[in-house]
């Protein structure tokens, strides 16, 4: 219900629809990646949204949250070794949250996965 949280999720979904261009064109081992902390927080937000959707019985929305989480993790992985590890952690969080609710899915939703 929080407007800023809803806006963050909307911006994340909109951003994933755009092509990804790394802002680190001159990447070196010394390049700082300050956005990765915020990316982890967005992943936690997606997991909370997924949890709430399952709690409300909105399984389709939870499946969509999983898709967004995995797409986000994949996009984060594409930049550097460090971002690759963060991207894998984002994927793991999304799947771990989802896996704890598999018993709530219908047969058709399992096939959809």
PDB file of N, CA and C in Angstrom:
ATOM      1  N   UNK A   1       0.811  -1.198   0.000  1.00  0.00           N
ATOM      2  CA  UNK A   1       0.000   0.000   0.000  1.00  0.00           C
ATOM      3  C   UNK A   1       0.858   1.268   0.000  1.00  0.00           C
ATOM      4  N   UNK A   2       2.125   1.140   0.344  1.00  0.00           N
ATOM      5  CA  UNK A   2       3.016   2.311   0.382  1.00  0.00           C
ATOM      6  C   UNK A   2       3.306   2.785  -1.041  1.00  0.00           C
ATOM      7  N   UNK A   3       3.045   4.065  -1.285  1.00  0.00           N
ATOM      8  CA  UNK A   3       3.205   4.629  -2.628  1.00  0.00           C
ATOM      9  C   UNK A   3       4.640   4.509  -3.136  1.00  0.00           C
ATOM     10  N   UNK A   4       5.633   4.780  -2.289  1.00  0.00           N
ATOM     11  CA  UNK A   4       7.028   4.739  -2.748  1.00  0.00           C
ATOM     12  C   UNK A   4       7.462   3.317  -3.099  1.00  0.00           C
ATOM     13  N   UNK A   5       6.945   2.339  -2.376  1.00  0.00           N
ATOM     14  CA  UNK A   5       7.272   0.941  -2.675  1.00  0.00           C
ATOM     15  C   UNK A   5       6.610   0.520  -3.984  1.00  0.00           C
ATOM     16  N   UNK A   6       5.358   0.887  -4.158  1.00  0.00           N
ATOM     17  CA  UNK A   6       4.663   0.562  -5.409  1.00  0.00           C
ATOM     18  C   UNK A   6       5.367   1.221  -6.591  1.00  0.00           C
ATOM     19  N   UNK A   7       5.826   2.448  -6.415  1.00  0.00           N
ATOM     20  CA  UNK A   7       6.535   3.140  -7.489  1.00  0.00           C
ATOM     21  C   UNK A   7       7.867   2.459  -7.799  1.00  0.00           C
ATOM     22  N   UNK A   8       8.591   2.019  -6.766  1.00  0.00           N
ATOM     23  CA  UNK A   8       9.859   1.325  -6.987  1.00  0.00           C
ATOM     24  C   UNK A   8       9.645   0.048  -7.793  1.00  0.00           C
ATOM     25  N   UNK A   9       8.625  -0.716  -7.460  1.00  0.00           N
ATOM     26  CA  UNK A   9       8.333  -1.944  -8.208  1.00  0.00           C
ATOM     27  C   UNK A   9       7.922  -1.635  -9.643  1.00  0.00           C
ATOM     28  N   UNK A  10       7.134  -0.583  -9.830  1.00  0.00           N
ATOM     29  CA  UNK A  10       6.711  -0.192 -11.174  1.00  0.00           C
ATOM     30  C   UNK A  10       7.915   0.253 -12.015  1.00  0.00           C
ATOM     31  N   UNK A  11       8.811   1.029 -11.413  1.00  0.00           N
ATOM     32  CA  UNK A  11      10.008   1.479 -12.136  1.00  0.00           C
ATOM     33  C   UNK A  11      10.923   0.311 -12.485  1.00  0.00           C
ATOM     34  N   UNK A  12      11.035  -0.660 -11.580  1.00  0.00           N
ATOM     35  CA  UNK A  12      11.850  -1.842 -11.863  1.00  0.00           C
ATOM     36  C   UNK A  12      11.285  -2.609 -13.048  1.00  0.00           C
ATOM     37  N   UNK A  13       9.983  -2.835 -13.044  1.00  0.00           N
ATOM     38  CA  UNK A  13       9.342  -3.554 -14.150  1.00  0.00           C
ATOM     39  C   UNK A  13       9.490  -2.791 -15.467  1.00  0.00           C
ATOM     40  N   UNK A  14       9.296  -1.481 -15.423  1.00  0.00           N
ATOM     41  CA  UNK A  14       9.458  -0.667 -16.628  1.00  0.00           C
ATOM     42  C   UNK A  14      10.902  -0.689 -17.119  1.00  0.00           C
ATOM     43  N   UNK A  15      11.838  -0.608 -16.194  1.00  0.00           N
ATOM     44  CA  UNK A  15      13.259  -0.608 -16.560  1.00  0.00           C
ATOM     45  C   UNK A  15      13.702  -1.904 -17.202  1.00  0.00           C
ATOM     46  N   UNK A  16      13.123  -3.019 -16.773  1.00  0.00           N
ATOM     47  CA  UNK A  16      13.495  -4.316 -17.346  1.00  0.00           C
ATOM     48  C   UNK A  16      13.003  -4.471 -18.776  1.00  0.00           C
ATOM     49  N   UNK A  17      12.084  -3.618 -19.198  1.00  0.00           N
ATOM     50  CA  UNK A  17      11.596  -3.660 -20.575  1.00  0.00           C
ATOM     51  C   UNK A  17      12.542  -2.951 -21.540  1.00  0.00           C
ATOM     52  N   UNK A  18      13.520  -2.232 -21.003  1.00  0.00           N
ATOM     53  CA  UNK A  18      14.437  -1.451 -21.832  1.00  0.00           C
ATOM     54  C   UNK A  18      15.735  -2.224 -22.059  1.00  0.00           C
ATOM     55  N   UNK A  19      16.471  -1.896 -23.132  1.00  0.00           N
ATOM     56  CA  UNK A  19      17.777  -2.539 -23.332  1.00  0.00           C
ATOM     57  C   UNK A  19      18.753  -2.121 -22.237  1.00  0.00           C
ATOM     58  N   UNK A  20      19.634  -3.035 -21.876  1.00  0.00           N
ATOM     59  CA  UNK A  20      20.596  -2.767 -20.812  1.00  0.00           C
ATOM     60  C   UNK A  20      21.922  -2.325 -21.415  1.00  0.00           C
ATOM     61  N   UNK A  21      22.397  -1.186 -20.953  1.00  0.00           N
ATOM     62  CA  UNK A  21      23.707  -0.687 -21.348  1.00  0.00           C
ATOM     63  C   UNK A  21      24.466  -0.400 -20.071  1.00  0.00           C
ATOM     64  N   UNK A  22      25.595  -1.033 -19.886  1.00  0.00           N
ATOM     65  CA  UNK A  22      26.364  -0.864 -18.661  1.00  0.00           C
ATOM     66  C   UNK A  22      26.900   0.557 -18.542  1.00  0.00           C
ATOM     67  N   UNK A  23      26.742   1.159 -17.376  1.00  0.00           N
ATOM     68  CA  UNK A  23      27.332   2.482 -17.161  1.00  0.00           C
ATOM     69  C   UNK A  23      28.826   2.401 -16.882  1.00  0.00           C
ATOM     70  N   UNK A  24      29.363   1.201 -16.846  1.00  0.00           N
ATOM     71  CA  UNK A  24      30.771   0.996 -16.509  1.00  0.00           C
ATOM     72  C   UNK A  24      31.583   0.635 -17.744  1.00  0.00           C
ATOM     73  N   UNK A  25      31.536   1.474 -18.753  1.00  0.00           N
ATOM     74  CA  UNK A  25      32.249   1.188 -20.004  1.00  0.00           C
ATOM     75  C   UNK A  25      33.751   1.068 -19.772  1.00  0.00           C
ATOM     76  N   UNK A  26      34.252   1.830 -18.841  1.00  0.00           N
ATOM     77  CA  UNK A  26      35.689   1.793 -18.537  1.00  0.00           C
ATOM     78  C   UNK A  26      35.941   0.948 -17.298  1.00  0.00           C
ATOM     79  N   UNK A  27      35.322  -0.210 -17.248  1.00  0.00           N
ATOM     80  CA  UNK A  27      35.409  -1.070 -16.077  1.00  0.00           C
ATOM     81  C   UNK A  27      36.839  -1.513 -15.826  1.00  0.00           C
ATOM     82  N   UNK A  28      37.216  -1.441 -14.576  1.00  0.00           N
ATOM     83  CA  UNK A  28      38.476  -2.012 -14.121  1.00  0.00           C
ATOM     84  C   UNK A  28      38.213  -2.645 -12.766  1.00  0.00           C
ATOM     85  N   UNK A  29      39.183  -3.325 -12.248  1.00  0.00           N
ATOM     86  CA  UNK A  29      39.017  -3.983 -10.953  1.00  0.00           C
ATOM     87  C   UNK A  29      38.775  -2.958  -9.841  1.00  0.00           C
ATOM     88  N   UNK A  30      39.118  -1.714 -10.077  1.00  0.00           N
ATOM     89  CA  UNK A  30      38.969  -0.668  -9.071  1.00  0.00           C
ATOM     90  C   UNK A  30      37.631   0.072  -9.173  1.00  0.00           C
ATOM     91  N   UNK A  31      36.810  -0.250 -10.152  1.00  0.00           N
ATOM     92  CA  UNK A  31      35.539   0.442 -10.328  1.00  0.00           C
ATOM     93  C   UNK A  31      34.610   0.116  -9.166  1.00  0.00           C
ATOM     94  N   UNK A  32      34.065   1.152  -8.538  1.00  0.00           N
ATOM     95  CA  UNK A  32      33.100   0.962  -7.471  1.00  0.00           C
ATOM     96  C   UNK A  32      31.725   0.740  -8.089  1.00  0.00           C
ATOM     97  N   UNK A  33      30.945  -0.092  -7.486  1.00  0.00           N
ATOM     98  CA  UNK A  33      29.613  -0.412  -7.997  1.00  0.00           C
ATOM     99  C   UNK A  33      28.586  -0.102  -6.908  1.00  0.00           C
ATOM    100  N   UNK A  34      28.356   1.183  -6.630  1.00  0.00           N
ATOM    101  CA  UNK A  34      27.488   1.544  -5.502  1.00  0.00           C
ATOM    102  C   UNK A  34      26.035   1.134  -5.680  1.00  0.00           C
ATOM    103  N   UNK A  35      25.601   0.915  -6.910  1.00  0.00           N
ATOM    104  CA  UNK A  35      24.201   0.564  -7.138  1.00  0.00           C
ATOM    105  C   UNK A  35      23.871  -0.858  -6.707  1.00  0.00           C
ATOM    106  N   UNK A  36      24.868  -1.698  -6.503  1.00  0.00           N
ATOM    107  CA  UNK A  36      24.586  -3.098  -6.189  1.00  0.00           C
ATOM    108  C   UNK A  36      23.870  -3.254  -4.851  1.00  0.00           C
ATOM    109  N   UNK A  37      24.156  -2.391  -3.888  1.00  0.00           N
ATOM    110  CA  UNK A  37      23.435  -2.441  -2.615  1.00  0.00           C
ATOM    111  C   UNK A  37      21.956  -2.158  -2.805  1.00  0.00           C
ATOM    112  N   UNK A  38      21.663  -1.174  -3.640  1.00  0.00           N
ATOM    113  CA  UNK A  38      20.256  -0.847  -3.940  1.00  0.00           C
ATOM    114  C   UNK A  38      19.587  -1.984  -4.711  1.00  0.00           C
ATOM    115  N   UNK A  39      20.345  -2.630  -5.578  1.00  0.00           N
ATOM    116  CA  UNK A  39      19.787  -3.758  -6.328  1.00  0.00           C
ATOM    117  C   UNK A  39      19.374  -4.881  -5.380  1.00  0.00           C
ATOM    118  N   UNK A  40      20.180  -5.136  -4.362  1.00  0.00           N
ATOM    119  CA  UNK A  40      19.831  -6.175  -3.385  1.00  0.00           C
ATOM    120  C   UNK A  40      18.558  -5.801  -2.633  1.00  0.00           C
ATOM    121  N   UNK A  41      18.418  -4.515  -2.319  1.00  0.00           N
ATOM    122  CA  UNK A  41      17.199  -4.066  -1.637  1.00  0.00           C
ATOM    123  C   UNK A  41      15.977  -4.228  -2.532  1.00  0.00           C
ATOM    124  N   UNK A  42      16.139  -3.959  -3.827  1.00  0.00           N
ATOM    125  CA  UNK A  42      15.027  -4.173  -4.763  1.00  0.00           C
ATOM    126  C   UNK A  42      14.651  -5.648  -4.823  1.00  0.00           C
ATOM    127  N   UNK A  43      15.658  -6.515  -4.777  1.00  0.00           N
ATOM    128  CA  UNK A  43      15.388  -7.957  -4.785  1.00  0.00           C
ATOM    129  C   UNK A  43      14.611  -8.354  -3.536  1.00  0.00           C
ATOM    130  N   UNK A  44      14.971  -7.798  -2.393  1.00  0.00           N
ATOM    131  CA  UNK A  44      14.233  -8.087  -1.161  1.00  0.00           C
ATOM    132  C   UNK A  44      12.794  -7.587  -1.273  1.00  0.00           C
ATOM    133  N   UNK A  45      12.626  -6.438  -1.902  1.00  0.00           N
ATOM    134  CA  UNK A  45      11.287  -5.888  -2.105  1.00  0.00           C
ATOM    135  C   UNK A  45      10.450  -6.814  -2.992  1.00  0.00           C
ATOM    136  N   UNK A  46      11.055  -7.338  -4.046  1.00  0.00           N
ATOM    137  CA  UNK A  46      10.350  -8.289  -4.910  1.00  0.00           C
ATOM    138  C   UNK A  46       9.953  -9.545  -4.142  1.00  0.00           C
ATOM    139  N   UNK A  47      10.827 -10.018  -3.270  1.00  0.00           N
ATOM    140  CA  UNK A  47      10.509 -11.204  -2.465  1.00  0.00           C
ATOM    141  C   UNK A  47       9.345 -10.922  -1.519  1.00  0.00           C
ATOM    142  N   UNK A  48       9.319  -9.729  -0.949  1.00  0.00           N
ATOM    143  CA  UNK A  48       8.204  -9.367  -0.069  1.00  0.00           C
ATOM    144  C   UNK A  48       6.896  -9.280  -0.869  1.00  0.00           C
ATOM    145  N   UNK A  49       6.965  -8.710  -2.061  1.00  0.00           N
ATOM    146  CA  UNK A  49       5.775  -8.636  -2.908  1.00  0.00           C
ATOM    147  C   UNK A  49       5.285 -10.041  -3.255  1.00  0.00           C
ATOM    148  N   UNK A  50       6.233 -10.928  -3.552  1.00  0.00           N
ATOM    149  CA  UNK A  50       5.884 -12.315  -3.867  1.00  0.00           C
ATOM    150  C   UNK A  50       5.194 -12.973  -2.668  1.00  0.00           C
ATOM    151  N   UNK A  51       5.731 -12.766  -1.485  1.00  0.00           N
ATOM    152  CA  UNK A  51       5.157 -13.318  -0.257  1.00  0.00           C
ATOM    153  C   UNK A  51       3.728 -12.808  -0.047  1.00  0.00           C
ATOM    154  N   UNK A  52       3.536 -11.506  -0.217  1.00  0.00           N
ATOM    155  CA  UNK A  52       2.212 -10.902  -0.038  1.00  0.00           C
ATOM    156  C   UNK A  52       1.232 -11.449  -1.075  1.00  0.00           C
ATOM    157  N   UNK A  53       1.686 -11.606  -2.311  1.00  0.00           N
ATOM    158  CA  UNK A  53       0.794 -12.145  -3.341  1.00  0.00           C
ATOM    159  C   UNK A  53       0.376 -13.572  -3.014  1.00  0.00           C
ATOM    160  N   UNK A  54       1.310 -14.379  -2.536  1.00  0.00           N
ATOM    161  CA  UNK A  54       0.937 -15.739  -2.137  1.00  0.00           C
ATOM    162  C   UNK A  54      -0.024 -15.709  -0.950  1.00  0.00           C
ATOM    163  N   UNK A  55       0.229 -14.824   0.010  1.00  0.00           N
ATOM    164  CA  UNK A  55      -0.643 -14.729   1.186  1.00  0.00           C
ATOM    165  C   UNK A  55      -2.053 -14.313   0.799  1.00  0.00           C
ATOM    166  N   UNK A  56      -2.168 -13.498  -0.225  1.00  0.00           N
ATOM    167  CA  UNK A  56      -3.479 -13.055  -0.700  1.00  0.00           C
ATOM    168  C   UNK A  56      -4.109 -14.038  -1.684  1.00  0.00           C
ATOM    169  N   UNK A  57      -3.424 -15.138  -1.990  1.00  0.00           N
ATOM    170  CA  UNK A  57      -3.956 -16.114  -2.939  1.00  0.00           C
ATOM    171  C   UNK A  57      -3.826 -15.672  -4.387  1.00  0.00           C
ATOM    172  N   UNK A  58      -2.968 -14.692  -4.644  1.00  0.00           N
ATOM    173  CA  UNK A  58      -2.774 -14.182  -6.006  1.00  0.00           C
ATOM    174  C   UNK A  58      -1.541 -14.863  -6.603  1.00  0.00           C
ATOM    175  N   UNK A  59      -1.692 -16.142  -6.903  1.00  0.00           N
ATOM    176  CA  UNK A  59      -0.570 -16.941  -7.392  1.00  0.00           C
ATOM    177  C   UNK A  59      -0.008 -16.442  -8.718  1.00  0.00           C
ATOM    178  N   UNK A  60      -0.877 -15.981  -9.617  1.00  0.00           N
ATOM    179  CA  UNK A  60      -0.403 -15.475 -10.914  1.00  0.00           C
ATOM    180  C   UNK A  60       0.508 -14.274 -10.725  1.00  0.00           C
ATOM    181  N   UNK A  61       0.154 -13.400  -9.794  1.00  0.00           N
ATOM    182  CA  UNK A  61       1.000 -12.232  -9.511  1.00  0.00           C
ATOM    183  C   UNK A  61       2.330 -12.669  -8.897  1.00  0.00           C
ATOM    184  N   UNK A  62       2.298 -13.709  -8.065  1.00  0.00           N
ATOM    185  CA  UNK A  62       3.538 -14.225  -7.476  1.00  0.00           C
ATOM    186  C   UNK A  62       4.432 -14.840  -8.551  1.00  0.00           C
ATOM    187  N   UNK A  63       3.830 -15.532  -9.513  1.00  0.00           N
ATOM    188  CA  UNK A  63       4.602 -16.086 -10.634  1.00  0.00           C
ATOM    189  C   UNK A  63       5.233 -14.953 -11.433  1.00  0.00           C
ATOM    190  N   UNK A  64       4.485 -13.887 -11.634  1.00  0.00           N
ATOM    191  CA  UNK A  64       5.024 -12.724 -12.340  1.00  0.00           C
ATOM    192  C   UNK A  64       6.176 -12.095 -11.555  1.00  0.00           C
ATOM    193  N   UNK A  65       6.055 -12.054 -10.228  1.00  0.00           N
ATOM    194  CA  UNK A  65       7.152 -11.547  -9.396  1.00  0.00           C
ATOM    195  C   UNK A  65       8.405 -12.401  -9.567  1.00  0.00           C
ATOM    196  N   UNK A  66       8.216 -13.712  -9.664  1.00  0.00           N
ATOM    197  CA  UNK A  66       9.363 -14.594  -9.895  1.00  0.00           C
ATOM    198  C   UNK A  66      10.011 -14.288 -11.239  1.00  0.00           C
ATOM    199  N   UNK A  67       9.198 -14.107 -12.256  1.00  0.00           N
ATOM    200  CA  UNK A  67       9.736 -13.760 -13.581  1.00  0.00           C
ATOM    201  C   UNK A  67      10.543 -12.467 -13.525  1.00  0.00           C
ATOM    202  N   UNK A  68       9.985 -11.467 -12.866  1.00  0.00           N
ATOM    203  CA  UNK A  68      10.677 -10.178 -12.757  1.00  0.00           C
ATOM    204  C   UNK A  68      11.972 -10.344 -11.970  1.00  0.00           C
ATOM    205  N   UNK A  69      11.925 -11.093 -10.884  1.00  0.00           N
ATOM    206  CA  UNK A  69      13.132 -11.312 -10.078  1.00  0.00           C
ATOM    207  C   UNK A  69      14.225 -12.006 -10.854  1.00  0.00           C
ATOM    208  N   UNK A  70      13.866 -13.025 -11.618  1.00  0.00           N
ATOM    209  CA  UNK A  70      14.865 -13.748 -12.408  1.00  0.00           C
ATOM    210  C   UNK A  70      15.403 -12.888 -13.545  1.00  0.00           C
ATOM    211  N   UNK A  71      14.532 -12.107 -14.172  1.00  0.00           N
ATOM    212  CA  UNK A  71      14.990 -11.202 -15.234  1.00  0.00           C
ATOM    213  C   UNK A  71      15.924 -10.133 -14.664  1.00  0.00           C
ATOM    214  N   UNK A  72      15.574  -9.618 -13.507  1.00  0.00           N
ATOM    215  CA  UNK A  72      16.402  -8.614 -12.848  1.00  0.00           C
ATOM    216  C   UNK A  72      17.768  -9.200 -12.486  1.00  0.00           C
ATOM    217  N   UNK A  73      17.769 -10.389 -11.888  1.00  0.00           N
ATOM    218  CA  UNK A  73      19.029 -11.044 -11.533  1.00  0.00           C
ATOM    219  C   UNK A  73      19.897 -11.279 -12.760  1.00  0.00           C
ATOM    220  N   UNK A  74      19.280 -11.698 -13.853  1.00  0.00           N
ATOM    221  CA  UNK A  74      20.028 -11.944 -15.089  1.00  0.00           C
ATOM    222  C   UNK A  74      20.659 -10.649 -15.602  1.00  0.00           C
ATOM    223  N   UNK A  75      19.891  -9.572 -15.613  1.00  0.00           N
ATOM    224  CA  UNK A  75      20.409  -8.303 -16.112  1.00  0.00           C
ATOM    225  C   UNK A  75      21.554  -7.793 -15.247  1.00  0.00           C
ATOM    226  N   UNK A  76      21.443  -7.966 -13.937  1.00  0.00           N
ATOM    227  CA  UNK A  76      22.497  -7.518 -13.034  1.00  0.00           C
ATOM    228  C   UNK A  76      23.775  -8.320 -13.276  1.00  0.00           C
ATOM    229  N   UNK A  77      23.644  -9.594 -13.600  1.00  0.00           N
ATOM    230  CA  UNK A  77      24.807 -10.470 -13.802  1.00  0.00           C
ATOM    231  C   UNK A  77      25.685 -10.069 -14.978  1.00  0.00           C
ATOM    232  N   UNK A  78      25.158  -9.312 -15.903  1.00  0.00           N
ATOM    233  CA  UNK A  78      25.846  -9.081 -17.174  1.00  0.00           C
ATOM    234  C   UNK A  78      26.986  -8.064 -17.123  1.00  0.00           C
ATOM    235  N   UNK A  79      27.228  -7.416 -16.002  1.00  0.00           N
ATOM    236  CA  UNK A  79      28.166  -6.301 -15.981  1.00  0.00           C
ATOM    237  C   UNK A  79      29.584  -6.669 -15.568  1.00  0.00           C
ATOM    238  N   UNK A  80      29.773  -7.278 -14.438  1.00  0.00           N
ATOM    239  CA  UNK A  80      31.114  -7.560 -13.922  1.00  0.00           C
ATOM    240  C   UNK A  80      31.070  -8.827 -13.084  1.00  0.00           C
ATOM    241  N   UNK A  81      32.224  -9.238 -12.596  1.00  0.00           N
ATOM    242  CA  UNK A  81      32.271 -10.421 -11.746  1.00  0.00           C
ATOM    243  C   UNK A  81      31.474 -10.194 -10.463  1.00  0.00           C
ATOM    244  N   UNK A  82      31.654  -9.044  -9.847  1.00  0.00           N
ATOM    245  CA  UNK A  82      30.918  -8.740  -8.621  1.00  0.00           C
ATOM    246  C   UNK A  82      29.423  -8.654  -8.885  1.00  0.00           C
ATOM    247  N   UNK A  83      29.037  -7.986  -9.961  1.00  0.00           N
ATOM    248  CA  UNK A  83      27.615  -7.898 -10.271  1.00  0.00           C
ATOM    249  C   UNK A  83      27.064  -9.282 -10.627  1.00  0.00           C
ATOM    250  N   UNK A  84      27.906 -10.144 -11.189  1.00  0.00           N
ATOM    251  CA  UNK A  84      27.485 -11.518 -11.470  1.00  0.00           C
ATOM    252  C   UNK A  84      27.101 -12.256 -10.201  1.00  0.00           C
ATOM    253  N   UNK A  85      27.890 -12.075  -9.155  1.00  0.00           N
ATOM    254  CA  UNK A  85      27.585 -12.729  -7.881  1.00  0.00           C
ATOM    255  C   UNK A  85      26.318 -12.147  -7.254  1.00  0.00           C
ATOM    256  N   UNK A  86      26.153 -10.832  -7.347  1.00  0.00           N
ATOM    257  CA  UNK A  86      24.941 -10.204  -6.813  1.00  0.00           C
ATOM    258  C   UNK A  86      23.722 -10.682  -7.610  1.00  0.00           C
ATOM    259  N   UNK A  87      23.860 -10.773  -8.929  1.00  0.00           N
ATOM    260  CA  UNK A  87      22.767 -11.249  -9.763  1.00  0.00           C
ATOM    261  C   UNK A  87      22.355 -12.666  -9.406  1.00  0.00           C
ATOM    262  N   UNK A  88      23.334 -13.516  -9.131  1.00  0.00           N
ATOM    263  CA  UNK A  88      23.018 -14.890  -8.716  1.00  0.00           C
ATOM    264  C   UNK A  88      22.311 -14.899  -7.367  1.00  0.00           C
ATOM    265  N   UNK A  89      22.717 -14.010  -6.465  1.00  0.00           N
ATOM    266  CA  UNK A  89      22.051 -13.917  -5.162  1.00  0.00           C
ATOM    267  C   UNK A  89      20.605 -13.448  -5.330  1.00  0.00           C
ATOM    268  N   UNK A  90      20.367 -12.528  -6.259  1.00  0.00           N
ATOM    269  CA  UNK A  90      19.006 -12.064  -6.543  1.00  0.00           C
ATOM    270  C   UNK A  90      18.160 -13.226  -7.055  1.00  0.00           C
ATOM    271  N   UNK A  91      18.709 -14.001  -7.982  1.00  0.00           N
ATOM    272  CA  UNK A  91      18.000 -15.176  -8.496  1.00  0.00           C
ATOM    273  C   UNK A  91      17.676 -16.155  -7.369  1.00  0.00           C
ATOM    274  N   UNK A  92      18.672 -16.411  -6.521  1.00  0.00           N
ATOM    275  CA  UNK A  92      18.487 -17.367  -5.425  1.00  0.00           C
ATOM    276  C   UNK A  92      17.402 -16.905  -4.460  1.00  0.00           C
ATOM    277  N   UNK A  93      17.385 -15.606  -4.137  1.00  0.00           N
ATOM    278  CA  UNK A  93      16.354 -15.081  -3.239  1.00  0.00           C
ATOM    279  C   UNK A  93      14.965 -15.272  -3.841  1.00  0.00           C
ATOM    280  N   UNK A  94      14.832 -14.927  -5.112  1.00  0.00           N
ATOM    281  CA  UNK A  94      13.529 -15.035  -5.767  1.00  0.00           C
ATOM    282  C   UNK A  94      13.049 -16.488  -5.784  1.00  0.00           C
ATOM    283  N   UNK A  95      13.941 -17.407  -6.101  1.00  0.00           N
ATOM    284  CA  UNK A  95      13.549 -18.816  -6.173  1.00  0.00           C
ATOM    285  C   UNK A  95      13.303 -19.418  -4.795  1.00  0.00           C
ATOM    286  N   UNK A  96      14.086 -19.008  -3.806  1.00  0.00           N
ATOM    287  CA  UNK A  96      13.907 -19.540  -2.451  1.00  0.00           C
ATOM    288  C   UNK A  96      12.537 -19.147  -1.897  1.00  0.00           C
ATOM    289  N   UNK A  97      12.183 -17.888  -2.055  1.00  0.00           N
ATOM    290  CA  UNK A  97      10.876 -17.418  -1.592  1.00  0.00           C
ATOM    291  C   UNK A  97       9.754 -18.174  -2.305  1.00  0.00           C
ATOM    292  N   UNK A  98       9.910 -18.341  -3.604  1.00  0.00           N
ATOM    293  CA  UNK A  98       8.887 -19.013  -4.402  1.00  0.00           C
ATOM    294  C   UNK A  98       8.769 -20.484  -4.019  1.00  0.00           C
ATOM    295  N   UNK A  99       9.893 -21.133  -3.821  1.00  0.00           N
ATOM    296  CA  UNK A  99       9.898 -22.572  -3.546  1.00  0.00           C
ATOM    297  C   UNK A  99       9.144 -22.919  -2.265  1.00  0.00           C
ATOM    298  N   UNK A 100       9.133 -21.987  -1.315  1.00  0.00           N
ATOM    299  CA  UNK A 100       8.444 -22.283  -0.062  1.00  0.00           C
ATOM    300  C   UNK A 100       6.921 -22.242  -0.216  1.00  0.00           C
ATOM    301  N   UNK A 101       6.435 -21.865  -1.390  1.00  0.00           N
ATOM    302  CA  UNK A 101       4.996 -21.782  -1.629  1.00  0.00           C
ATOM    303  C   UNK A 101       4.530 -22.671  -2.778  1.00  0.00           C
ATOM    304  N   UNK A 102       5.333 -23.598  -3.201  1.00  0.00           N
ATOM    305  CA  UNK A 102       4.963 -24.448  -4.335  1.00  0.00           C
ATOM    306  C   UNK A 102       3.665 -25.216  -4.100  1.00  0.00           C
ATOM    307  N   UNK A 103       3.392 -25.556  -2.851  1.00  0.00           N
ATOM    308  CA  UNK A 103       2.184 -26.325  -2.557  1.00  0.00           C
ATOM    309  C   UNK A 103       0.904 -25.517  -2.775  1.00  0.00           C
ATOM    310  N   UNK A 104       1.018 -24.213  -2.974  1.00  0.00           N
ATOM    311  CA  UNK A 104      -0.154 -23.372  -3.220  1.00  0.00           C
ATOM    312  C   UNK A 104      -0.528 -23.298  -4.697  1.00  0.00           C
ATOM    313  N   UNK A 105       0.316 -23.834  -5.576  1.00  0.00           N
ATOM    314  CA  UNK A 105       0.092 -23.705  -7.009  1.00  0.00           C
ATOM    315  C   UNK A 105      -0.844 -24.789  -7.527  1.00  0.00           C
ATOM    316  N   UNK A 106      -1.614 -24.429  -8.508  1.00  0.00           N
ATOM    317  CA  UNK A 106      -2.479 -25.409  -9.188  1.00  0.00           C
ATOM    318  C   UNK A 106      -1.638 -26.175 -10.206  1.00  0.00           C
ATOM    319  N   UNK A 107      -2.225 -27.224 -10.754  1.00  0.00           N
ATOM    320  CA  UNK A 107      -1.527 -28.011 -11.778  1.00  0.00           C
ATOM    321  C   UNK A 107      -1.163 -27.151 -12.984  1.00  0.00           C
ATOM    322  N   UNK A 108      -2.100 -26.320 -13.427  1.00  0.00           N
ATOM    323  CA  UNK A 108      -1.826 -25.484 -14.603  1.00  0.00           C
ATOM    324  C   UNK A 108      -0.734 -24.458 -14.326  1.00  0.00           C
ATOM    325  N   UNK A 109      -0.675 -23.960 -13.094  1.00  0.00           N
ATOM    326  CA  UNK A 109       0.390 -23.011 -12.746  1.00  0.00           C
ATOM    327  C   UNK A 109       1.745 -23.704 -12.685  1.00  0.00           C
ATOM    328  N   UNK A 110       1.751 -24.938 -12.215  1.00  0.00           N
ATOM    329  CA  UNK A 110       3.014 -25.711 -12.209  1.00  0.00           C
ATOM    330  C   UNK A 110       3.486 -25.942 -13.645  1.00  0.00           C
ATOM    331  N   UNK A 111       2.569 -26.275 -14.542  1.00  0.00           N
ATOM    332  CA  UNK A 111       2.932 -26.453 -15.944  1.00  0.00           C
ATOM    333  C   UNK A 111       3.439 -25.146 -16.552  1.00  0.00           C
ATOM    334  N   UNK A 112       2.840 -24.039 -16.144  1.00  0.00           N
ATOM    335  CA  UNK A 112       3.269 -22.728 -16.629  1.00  0.00           C
ATOM    336  C   UNK A 112       4.718 -22.438 -16.225  1.00  0.00           C
ATOM    337  N   UNK A 113       5.079 -22.857 -15.021  1.00  0.00           N
ATOM    338  CA  UNK A 113       6.454 -22.655 -14.555  1.00  0.00           C
ATOM    339  C   UNK A 113       7.418 -23.462 -15.398  1.00  0.00           C
TER     340      UNK A 113
END
